[in-house]
C-alpha atoms as a PDB file:
ATOM      1  CA  UNK A   1     122.480  97.251 142.299  1.00  0.00           C
ATOM      2  CA  UNK A   2     123.496  97.510 138.556  1.00  0.00           C
ATOM      3  CA  UNK A   3     125.842 100.282 137.631  1.00  0.00           C
ATOM      4  CA  UNK A   4     126.773 101.351 134.141  1.00  0.00           C
ATOM      5  CA  UNK A   5     130.355 102.064 133.151  1.00  0.00           C
ATOM      6  CA  UNK A   6     129.423 104.167 130.365  1.00  0.00           C
ATOM      7  CA  UNK A   7     126.480 105.867 128.588  1.00  0.00           C
ATOM      8  CA  UNK A   8     124.186 103.614 126.605  1.00  0.00           C
ATOM      9  CA  UNK A   9     121.168 104.233 124.259  1.00  0.00           C
ATOM     10  CA  UNK A  10     118.256 101.943 124.464  1.00  0.00           C
ATOM     11  CA  UNK A  11     115.006 101.766 122.437  1.00  0.00           C
ATOM     12  CA  UNK A  12     111.857 101.010 124.394  1.00  0.00           C
ATOM     13  CA  UNK A  13     108.940  98.926 122.990  1.00  0.00           C
ATOM     14  CA  UNK A  14     107.351 102.063 121.528  1.00  0.00           C
ATOM     15  CA  UNK A  15     110.464 102.854 119.681  1.00  0.00           C
ATOM     16  CA  UNK A  16     111.639 105.849 121.847  1.00  0.00           C
ATOM     17  CA  UNK A  17     115.121 106.301 122.417  1.00  0.00           C
ATOM     18  CA  UNK A  18     116.487 106.496 126.130  1.00  0.00           C
ATOM     19  CA  UNK A  19     119.958 107.356 127.253  1.00  0.00           C
ATOM     20  CA  UNK A  20     121.366 105.987 130.590  1.00  0.00           C
ATOM     21  CA  UNK A  21     124.709 106.706 132.197  1.00  0.00           C
ATOM     22  CA  UNK A  22     126.797 105.716 135.159  1.00  0.00           C
ATOM     23  CA  UNK A  23     124.898 108.009 137.597  1.00  0.00           C
ATOM     24  CA  UNK A  24     121.492 106.829 136.333  1.00  0.00           C
ATOM     25  CA  UNK A  25     119.232 104.100 137.971  1.00  0.00           C
ATOM     26  CA  UNK A  26     118.612 101.782 134.928  1.00  0.00           C
ATOM     27  CA  UNK A  27     114.953 100.316 134.912  1.00  0.00           C
ATOM     28  CA  UNK A  28     114.521  96.528 134.732  1.00  0.00           C
ATOM     29  CA  UNK A  29     113.270  96.660 131.085  1.00  0.00           C
ATOM     30  CA  UNK A  30     116.465  98.454 129.891  1.00  0.00           C
ATOM     31  CA  UNK A  31     118.766  96.280 131.915  1.00  0.00           C
ATOM     32  CA  UNK A  32     117.551  93.222 129.891  1.00  0.00           C
ATOM     33  CA  UNK A  33     118.272  95.177 126.572  1.00  0.00           C
ATOM     34  CA  UNK A  34     121.890  96.073 127.455  1.00  0.00           C
ATOM     35  CA  UNK A  35     123.660  93.066 126.560  1.00  0.00           C
ATOM     36  CA  UNK A  36     127.240  94.303 126.151  1.00  0.00           C
ATOM     37  CA  UNK A  37     129.113  93.143 129.246  1.00  0.00           C
ATOM     38  CA  UNK A  38     131.570  96.065 128.787  1.00  0.00           C
ATOM     39  CA  UNK A  39     128.849  98.604 129.322  1.00  0.00           C
ATOM     40  CA  UNK A  40     128.400  97.528 132.894  1.00  0.00           C
ATOM     41  CA  UNK A  41     130.636  98.417 135.877  1.00  0.00           C
ATOM     42  CA  UNK A  42     128.539  96.110 138.036  1.00  0.00           C
ATOM     43  CA  UNK A  43     126.236  93.884 136.021  1.00  0.00           C
ATOM     44  CA  UNK A  44     122.585  93.330 137.135  1.00  0.00           C
ATOM     45  CA  UNK A  45     121.730  90.196 139.040  1.00  0.00           C
ATOM     46  CA  UNK A  46     120.279  87.354 136.991  1.00  0.00           C
ATOM     47  CA  UNK A  47     116.407  87.293 136.957  1.00  0.00           C
ATOM     48  CA  UNK A  48     114.339  84.279 137.245  1.00  0.00           C
ATOM     49  CA  UNK A  49     111.595  85.523 135.030  1.00  0.00           C
ATOM     50  CA  UNK A  50     111.571  84.920 131.279  1.00  0.00           C
ATOM     51  CA  UNK A  51     113.689  87.311 129.133  1.00  0.00           C
ATOM     52  CA  UNK A  52     112.113  89.847 126.799  1.00  0.00           C
ATOM     53  CA  UNK A  53     111.651  88.453 123.345  1.00  0.00           C
ATOM     54  CA  UNK A  54     111.615  90.541 120.200  1.00  0.00           C
ATOM     55  CA  UNK A  55     108.162  90.911 118.602  1.00  0.00           C
ATOM     56  CA  UNK A  56     107.384  88.138 116.060  1.00  0.00           C
ATOM     57  CA  UNK A  57     107.338  89.233 112.589  1.00  0.00           C
ATOM     58  CA  UNK A  58     104.342  88.084 110.396  1.00  0.00           C
ATOM     59  CA  UNK A  59     105.465  85.540 107.837  1.00  0.00           C
ATOM     60  CA  UNK A  60     105.076  86.581 104.254  1.00  0.00           C
ATOM     61  CA  UNK A  61     102.467  84.717 102.383  1.00  0.00           C
ATOM     62  CA  UNK A  62     103.859  81.791 100.391  1.00  0.00           C
ATOM     63  CA  UNK A  63     104.274  82.305  96.757  1.00  0.00           C
ATOM     64  CA  UNK A  64     102.526  79.860  94.592  1.00  0.00           C
ATOM     65  CA  UNK A  65     103.731  78.703  91.130  1.00  0.00           C
ATOM     66  CA  UNK A  66     101.326  79.223  88.189  1.00  0.00           C
ATOM     67  CA  UNK A  67      99.460  76.089  87.295  1.00  0.00           C
ATOM     68  CA  UNK A  68     101.038  73.913  84.645  1.00  0.00           C
ATOM     69  CA  UNK A  69      99.260  73.444  81.333  1.00  0.00           C
ATOM     70  CA  UNK A  70      98.450  70.007  79.877  1.00  0.00           C
ATOM     71  CA  UNK A  71     100.537  69.046  76.985  1.00  0.00           C
ATOM     72  CA  UNK A  72      98.859  69.518  73.581  1.00  0.00           C
ATOM     73  CA  UNK A  73      96.169  71.904  74.721  1.00  0.00           C
ATOM     74  CA  UNK A  74      97.925  75.039  73.232  1.00  0.00           C
ATOM     75  CA  UNK A  75      99.890  73.375  70.481  1.00  0.00           C
ATOM     76  CA  UNK A  76      99.630  74.568  66.946  1.00  0.00           C
ATOM     77  CA  UNK A  77      98.537  72.042  64.403  1.00  0.00           C
ATOM     78  CA  UNK A  78     100.193  71.610  61.111  1.00  0.00           C
ATOM     79  CA  UNK A  79      97.244  71.599  58.960  1.00  0.00           C
END
């Protein structure tokens, strides 16, 4: 059983803060997020399932350069 050595603050998937201490039973979702080895008195056993990945951010739309003008179309004539 995993045991914490100190109090830790963890944000869940909804953005709510949770505090766990040495006397608390730490849920599995929070164990994955506590990555500092110094926080654990007895670290959790490794799991075989995939780790929790941060949500993917949407990529910003690509910026496009303004189209180039053909030479001579906007030139002023000496006339």
